[in-house]
Amino acid sequence: MSARYGDNVIERSGNTEWYHGPCLLDYLESIEVASETTGLPFRFPVQWVNRPNLDFRGFTGTVASGSI
């Protein structure tokens, strides 16, 4: 795959005849997005506290399980 030249990103490329798998877009459209962790309790490990001034405090991180 080459994002620079578009090989196997949207459609099969003649530059990689040895590759027999799907192109990236076809693969991304075929995978299941729903996660097994959706039904679990909400967990949000805080990775960074953003506090540019005393009036604001933002928390950043990745949702590990559950939903809001």
PDB file of N, CA and C in Angstrom:
ATOM      1  N   MET A   1       0.838  -1.156   0.000  1.00  0.00           N
ATOM      2  CA  MET A   1       0.000   0.000   0.000  1.00  0.00           C
ATOM      3  C   MET A   1       0.892   1.230   0.000  1.00  0.00           C
ATOM      4  N   SER A   2       0.496   2.220  -0.746  1.00  0.00           N
ATOM      5  CA  SER A   2       1.229   3.474  -0.780  1.00  0.00           C
ATOM      6  C   SER A   2       0.230   4.619  -0.808  1.00  0.00           C
ATOM      7  N   ALA A   3       0.154   5.371   0.288  1.00  0.00           N
ATOM      8  CA  ALA A   3      -0.735   6.517   0.323  1.00  0.00           C
ATOM      9  C   ALA A   3      -0.232   7.610  -0.596  1.00  0.00           C
ATOM     10  N   ARG A   4       1.070   7.687  -0.774  1.00  0.00           N
ATOM     11  CA  ARG A   4       1.647   8.725  -1.637  1.00  0.00           C
ATOM     12  C   ARG A   4       1.218   8.560  -3.088  1.00  0.00           C
ATOM     13  N   TYR A   5       1.217   7.330  -3.562  1.00  0.00           N
ATOM     14  CA  TYR A   5       0.866   7.068  -4.955  1.00  0.00           C
ATOM     15  C   TYR A   5      -0.527   6.468  -5.114  1.00  0.00           C
ATOM     16  N   GLY A   6      -1.199   6.186  -4.014  1.00  0.00           N
ATOM     17  CA  GLY A   6      -2.550   5.659  -4.063  1.00  0.00           C
ATOM     18  C   GLY A   6      -2.648   4.176  -4.362  1.00  0.00           C
ATOM     19  N   ASP A   7      -1.558   3.457  -4.229  1.00  0.00           N
ATOM     20  CA  ASP A   7      -1.569   2.016  -4.518  1.00  0.00           C
ATOM     21  C   ASP A   7      -2.351   1.267  -3.438  1.00  0.00           C
ATOM     22  N   ASN A   8      -3.395   0.563  -3.840  1.00  0.00           N
ATOM     23  CA  ASN A   8      -4.225  -0.270  -2.975  1.00  0.00           C
ATOM     24  C   ASN A   8      -4.926   0.521  -1.870  1.00  0.00           C
ATOM     25  N   VAL A   9      -5.154   1.797  -2.074  1.00  0.00           N
ATOM     26  CA  VAL A   9      -5.883   2.582  -1.091  1.00  0.00           C
ATOM     27  C   VAL A   9      -7.369   2.542  -1.426  1.00  0.00           C
ATOM     28  N   ILE A  10      -7.738   2.929  -2.637  1.00  0.00           N
ATOM     29  CA  ILE A  10      -9.142   2.929  -3.064  1.00  0.00           C
ATOM     30  C   ILE A  10      -9.452   1.754  -3.978  1.00  0.00           C
ATOM     31  N   GLU A  11      -8.501   1.406  -4.814  1.00  0.00           N
ATOM     32  CA  GLU A  11      -8.701   0.270  -5.725  1.00  0.00           C
ATOM     33  C   GLU A  11      -7.399  -0.489  -5.903  1.00  0.00           C
ATOM     34  N   ARG A  12      -7.506  -1.704  -6.415  1.00  0.00           N
ATOM     35  CA  ARG A  12      -6.334  -2.548  -6.619  1.00  0.00           C
ATOM     36  C   ARG A  12      -5.361  -1.867  -7.562  1.00  0.00           C
ATOM     37  N   SER A  13      -4.073  -2.040  -7.282  1.00  0.00           N
ATOM     38  CA  SER A  13      -3.035  -1.392  -8.073  1.00  0.00           C
ATOM     39  C   SER A  13      -2.253  -2.422  -8.879  1.00  0.00           C
ATOM     40  N   GLY A  14      -1.905  -2.045 -10.082  1.00  0.00           N
ATOM     41  CA  GLY A  14      -1.060  -2.898 -10.907  1.00  0.00           C
ATOM     42  C   GLY A  14       0.387  -2.892 -10.453  1.00  0.00           C
ATOM     43  N   ASN A  15       0.753  -1.953  -9.599  1.00  0.00           N
ATOM     44  CA  ASN A  15       2.130  -1.874  -9.104  1.00  0.00           C
ATOM     45  C   ASN A  15       2.433  -2.926  -8.051  1.00  0.00           C
ATOM     46  N   THR A  16       1.390  -3.510  -7.467  1.00  0.00           N
ATOM     47  CA  THR A  16       1.584  -4.545  -6.444  1.00  0.00           C
ATOM     48  C   THR A  16       0.812  -5.802  -6.842  1.00  0.00           C
ATOM     49  N   GLU A  17       1.206  -6.386  -7.958  1.00  0.00           N
ATOM     50  CA  GLU A  17       0.526  -7.586  -8.465  1.00  0.00           C
ATOM     51  C   GLU A  17       0.684  -8.776  -7.528  1.00  0.00           C
ATOM     52  N   TRP A  18       1.703  -8.774  -6.684  1.00  0.00           N
ATOM     53  CA  TRP A  18       1.943  -9.872  -5.751  1.00  0.00           C
ATOM     54  C   TRP A  18       0.953  -9.865  -4.599  1.00  0.00           C
ATOM     55  N   TYR A  19       0.275  -8.744  -4.360  1.00  0.00           N
ATOM     56  CA  TYR A  19      -0.665  -8.640  -3.239  1.00  0.00           C
ATOM     57  C   TYR A  19      -2.044  -9.078  -3.699  1.00  0.00           C
ATOM     58  N   HIS A  20      -2.650 -10.016  -2.959  1.00  0.00           N
ATOM     59  CA  HIS A  20      -3.947 -10.566  -3.343  1.00  0.00           C
ATOM     60  C   HIS A  20      -5.066 -10.218  -2.357  1.00  0.00           C
ATOM     61  N   GLY A  21      -4.767  -9.418  -1.356  1.00  0.00           N
ATOM     62  CA  GLY A  21      -5.770  -9.039  -0.370  1.00  0.00           C
ATOM     63  C   GLY A  21      -6.612  -7.869  -0.848  1.00  0.00           C
ATOM     64  N   PRO A  22      -7.530  -7.409  -0.010  1.00  0.00           N
ATOM     65  CA  PRO A  22      -8.395  -6.291  -0.390  1.00  0.00           C
ATOM     66  C   PRO A  22      -7.644  -4.958  -0.302  1.00  0.00           C
ATOM     67  N   CYS A  23      -8.157  -3.958  -1.020  1.00  0.00           N
ATOM     68  CA  CYS A  23      -7.584  -2.623  -0.871  1.00  0.00           C
ATOM     69  C   CYS A  23      -8.036  -2.060   0.477  1.00  0.00           C
ATOM     70  N   LEU A  24      -7.400  -1.000   0.920  1.00  0.00           N
ATOM     71  CA  LEU A  24      -7.664  -0.463   2.248  1.00  0.00           C
ATOM     72  C   LEU A  24      -9.119  -0.049   2.434  1.00  0.00           C
ATOM     73  N   LEU A  25      -9.700   0.652   1.477  1.00  0.00           N
ATOM     74  CA  LEU A  25     -11.079   1.117   1.607  1.00  0.00           C
ATOM     75  C   LEU A  25     -12.052  -0.056   1.705  1.00  0.00           C
ATOM     76  N   ASP A  26     -11.873  -1.089   0.882  1.00  0.00           N
ATOM     77  CA  ASP A  26     -12.738  -2.265   0.963  1.00  0.00           C
ATOM     78  C   ASP A  26     -12.619  -2.940   2.322  1.00  0.00           C
ATOM     79  N   TYR A  27     -11.408  -3.013   2.848  1.00  0.00           N
ATOM     80  CA  TYR A  27     -11.214  -3.631   4.160  1.00  0.00           C
ATOM     81  C   TYR A  27     -11.898  -2.820   5.258  1.00  0.00           C
ATOM     82  N   LEU A  28     -11.716  -1.503   5.244  1.00  0.00           N
ATOM     83  CA  LEU A  28     -12.314  -0.662   6.282  1.00  0.00           C
ATOM     84  C   LEU A  28     -13.834  -0.687   6.233  1.00  0.00           C
ATOM     85  N   GLU A  29     -14.403  -0.837   5.046  1.00  0.00           N
ATOM     86  CA  GLU A  29     -15.859  -0.900   4.923  1.00  0.00           C
ATOM     87  C   GLU A  29     -16.417  -2.249   5.351  1.00  0.00           C
ATOM     88  N   SER A  30     -15.580  -3.270   5.469  1.00  0.00           N
ATOM     89  CA  SER A  30     -16.066  -4.607   5.801  1.00  0.00           C
ATOM     90  C   SER A  30     -15.901  -4.976   7.274  1.00  0.00           C
ATOM     91  N   ILE A  31     -15.121  -4.232   8.041  1.00  0.00           N
ATOM     92  CA  ILE A  31     -14.898  -4.615   9.437  1.00  0.00           C
ATOM     93  C   ILE A  31     -16.050  -4.150  10.317  1.00  0.00           C
ATOM     94  N   GLU A  32     -16.248  -4.838  11.421  1.00  0.00           N
ATOM     95  CA  GLU A  32     -17.290  -4.498  12.375  1.00  0.00           C
ATOM     96  C   GLU A  32     -16.772  -3.401  13.299  1.00  0.00           C
ATOM     97  N   VAL A  33     -17.487  -2.310  13.392  1.00  0.00           N
ATOM     98  CA  VAL A  33     -17.042  -1.159  14.178  1.00  0.00           C
ATOM     99  C   VAL A  33     -17.464  -1.281  15.630  1.00  0.00           C
ATOM    100  N   ALA A  34     -18.613  -1.866  15.885  1.00  0.00           N
ATOM    101  CA  ALA A  34     -19.100  -2.002  17.262  1.00  0.00           C
ATOM    102  C   ALA A  34     -18.099  -2.802  18.087  1.00  0.00           C
ATOM    103  N   SER A  35     -17.922  -2.392  19.292  1.00  0.00           N
ATOM    104  CA  SER A  35     -16.930  -3.013  20.156  1.00  0.00           C
ATOM    105  C   SER A  35     -17.607  -3.842  21.243  1.00  0.00           C
ATOM    106  N   GLU A  36     -16.891  -4.821  21.738  1.00  0.00           N
ATOM    107  CA  GLU A  36     -17.407  -5.641  22.831  1.00  0.00           C
ATOM    108  C   GLU A  36     -17.442  -4.871  24.144  1.00  0.00           C
ATOM    109  N   THR A  37     -16.732  -3.755  24.208  1.00  0.00           N
ATOM    110  CA  THR A  37     -16.661  -2.987  25.447  1.00  0.00           C
ATOM    111  C   THR A  37     -17.774  -1.955  25.573  1.00  0.00           C
ATOM    112  N   THR A  38     -18.686  -1.884  24.610  1.00  0.00           N
ATOM    113  CA  THR A  38     -19.738  -0.873  24.632  1.00  0.00           C
ATOM    114  C   THR A  38     -20.704  -1.079  25.797  1.00  0.00           C
ATOM    115  N   GLY A  39     -21.050  -2.307  26.124  1.00  0.00           N
ATOM    116  CA  GLY A  39     -22.002  -2.578  27.183  1.00  0.00           C
ATOM    117  C   GLY A  39     -21.413  -2.543  28.586  1.00  0.00           C
ATOM    118  N   LEU A  40     -20.114  -2.379  28.694  1.00  0.00           N
ATOM    119  CA  LEU A  40     -19.467  -2.352  30.006  1.00  0.00           C
ATOM    120  C   LEU A  40     -19.609  -0.972  30.649  1.00  0.00           C
ATOM    121  N   PRO A  41     -19.321  -0.855  31.952  1.00  0.00           N
ATOM    122  CA  PRO A  41     -19.369   0.452  32.604  1.00  0.00           C
ATOM    123  C   PRO A  41     -18.390   1.430  31.951  1.00  0.00           C
ATOM    124  N   PHE A  42     -18.719   2.714  32.034  1.00  0.00           N
ATOM    125  CA  PHE A  42     -17.886   3.735  31.411  1.00  0.00           C
ATOM    126  C   PHE A  42     -16.542   3.848  32.124  1.00  0.00           C
ATOM    127  N   ARG A  43     -15.478   3.771  31.344  1.00  0.00           N
ATOM    128  CA  ARG A  43     -14.114   3.935  31.857  1.00  0.00           C
ATOM    129  C   ARG A  43     -13.375   4.902  30.933  1.00  0.00           C
ATOM    130  N   PHE A  44     -12.785   5.945  31.529  1.00  0.00           N
ATOM    131  CA  PHE A  44     -12.095   6.982  30.769  1.00  0.00           C
ATOM    132  C   PHE A  44     -10.778   7.326  31.467  1.00  0.00           C
ATOM    133  N   PRO A  45      -9.703   6.596  31.156  1.00  0.00           N
ATOM    134  CA  PRO A  45      -8.418   6.929  31.774  1.00  0.00           C
ATOM    135  C   PRO A  45      -7.963   8.315  31.309  1.00  0.00           C
ATOM    136  N   VAL A  46      -7.745   9.211  32.248  1.00  0.00           N
ATOM    137  CA  VAL A  46      -7.310  10.573  31.913  1.00  0.00           C
ATOM    138  C   VAL A  46      -5.822  10.533  31.583  1.00  0.00           C
ATOM    139  N   GLN A  47      -5.487  11.023  30.384  1.00  0.00           N
ATOM    140  CA  GLN A  47      -4.103  11.030  29.942  1.00  0.00           C
ATOM    141  C   GLN A  47      -3.482  12.420  30.037  1.00  0.00           C
ATOM    142  N   TRP A  48      -4.321  13.440  30.060  1.00  0.00           N
ATOM    143  CA  TRP A  48      -3.806  14.796  30.107  1.00  0.00           C
ATOM    144  C   TRP A  48      -4.871  15.718  30.680  1.00  0.00           C
ATOM    145  N   VAL A  49      -4.475  16.620  31.574  1.00  0.00           N
ATOM    146  CA  VAL A  49      -5.379  17.639  32.089  1.00  0.00           C
ATOM    147  C   VAL A  49      -4.974  18.956  31.442  1.00  0.00           C
ATOM    148  N   ASN A  50      -5.888  19.518  30.668  1.00  0.00           N
ATOM    149  CA  ASN A  50      -5.634  20.757  29.946  1.00  0.00           C
ATOM    150  C   ASN A  50      -6.180  21.913  30.770  1.00  0.00           C
ATOM    151  N   ARG A  51      -5.297  22.753  31.260  1.00  0.00           N
ATOM    152  CA  ARG A  51      -5.731  23.874  32.089  1.00  0.00           C
ATOM    153  C   ARG A  51      -4.994  25.139  31.641  1.00  0.00           C
ATOM    154  N   PRO A  52      -5.509  25.800  30.586  1.00  0.00           N
ATOM    155  CA  PRO A  52      -4.830  26.990  30.079  1.00  0.00           C
ATOM    156  C   PRO A  52      -4.960  28.197  31.009  1.00  0.00           C
ATOM    157  N   ASN A  53      -6.013  28.220  31.857  1.00  0.00           N
ATOM    158  CA  ASN A  53      -6.185  29.293  32.837  1.00  0.00           C
ATOM    159  C   ASN A  53      -7.013  28.747  33.998  1.00  0.00           C
ATOM    160  N   LEU A  54      -7.275  29.576  34.991  1.00  0.00           N
ATOM    161  CA  LEU A  54      -7.990  29.111  36.184  1.00  0.00           C
ATOM    162  C   LEU A  54      -9.479  28.902  35.966  1.00  0.00           C
ATOM    163  N   ASP A  55     -10.017  29.358  34.823  1.00  0.00           N
ATOM    164  CA  ASP A  55     -11.445  29.231  34.548  1.00  0.00           C
ATOM    165  C   ASP A  55     -11.812  27.966  33.781  1.00  0.00           C
ATOM    166  N   PHE A  56     -10.838  27.202  33.361  1.00  0.00           N
ATOM    167  CA  PHE A  56     -11.130  26.030  32.527  1.00  0.00           C
ATOM    168  C   PHE A  56     -10.251  24.863  32.943  1.00  0.00           C
ATOM    169  N   ARG A  57     -10.852  23.688  32.961  1.00  0.00           N
ATOM    170  CA  ARG A  57     -10.089  22.462  33.165  1.00  0.00           C
ATOM    171  C   ARG A  57     -10.685  21.402  32.251  1.00  0.00           C
ATOM    172  N   GLY A  58      -9.911  20.937  31.285  1.00  0.00           N
ATOM    173  CA  GLY A  58     -10.365  19.910  30.348  1.00  0.00           C
ATOM    174  C   GLY A  58      -9.594  18.628  30.559  1.00  0.00           C
ATOM    175  N   PHE A  59     -10.260  17.530  30.373  1.00  0.00           N
ATOM    176  CA  PHE A  59      -9.633  16.230  30.538  1.00  0.00           C
ATOM    177  C   PHE A  59      -9.602  15.528  29.199  1.00  0.00           C
ATOM    178  N   THR A  60      -8.463  14.969  28.831  1.00  0.00           N
ATOM    179  CA  THR A  60      -8.336  14.246  27.575  1.00  0.00           C
ATOM    180  C   THR A  60      -7.918  12.813  27.870  1.00  0.00           C
ATOM    181  N   GLY A  61      -8.326  11.928  26.989  1.00  0.00           N
ATOM    182  CA  GLY A  61      -8.001  10.529  27.128  1.00  0.00           C
ATOM    183  C   GLY A  61      -8.759   9.727  26.086  1.00  0.00           C
ATOM    184  N   THR A  62      -8.785   8.432  26.241  1.00  0.00           N
ATOM    185  CA  THR A  62      -9.462   7.531  25.329  1.00  0.00           C
ATOM    186  C   THR A  62     -10.492   6.733  26.105  1.00  0.00           C
ATOM    187  N   VAL A  63     -11.696   6.672  25.580  1.00  0.00           N
ATOM    188  CA  VAL A  63     -12.746   5.874  26.231  1.00  0.00           C
ATOM    189  C   VAL A  63     -12.346   4.408  26.124  1.00  0.00           C
ATOM    190  N   ALA A  64     -12.140   3.767  27.258  1.00  0.00           N
ATOM    191  CA  ALA A  64     -11.714   2.371  27.286  1.00  0.00           C
ATOM    192  C   ALA A  64     -12.904   1.415  27.215  1.00  0.00           C
ATOM    193  N   SER A  65     -14.036   1.815  27.790  1.00  0.00           N
ATOM    194  CA  SER A  65     -15.226   0.978  27.724  1.00  0.00           C
ATOM    195  C   SER A  65     -16.446   1.832  28.039  1.00  0.00           C
ATOM    196  N   GLY A  66     -17.613   1.312  27.667  1.00  0.00           N
ATOM    197  CA  GLY A  66     -18.854   2.009  27.930  1.00  0.00           C
ATOM    198  C   GLY A  66     -19.111   3.142  26.958  1.00  0.00           C
ATOM    199  N   SER A  67     -20.140   3.899  27.233  1.00  0.00           N
ATOM    200  CA  SER A  67     -20.488   5.049  26.406  1.00  0.00           C
ATOM    201  C   SER A  67     -21.213   6.062  27.274  1.00  0.00           C
ATOM    202  N   ILE A  68     -21.282   7.282  26.769  1.00  0.00           N
ATOM    203  CA  ILE A  68     -21.969   8.360  27.475  1.00  0.00           C
ATOM    204  C   ILE A  68     -23.213   8.711  26.693  1.00  0.00           C
TER     205      ILE A  68
END
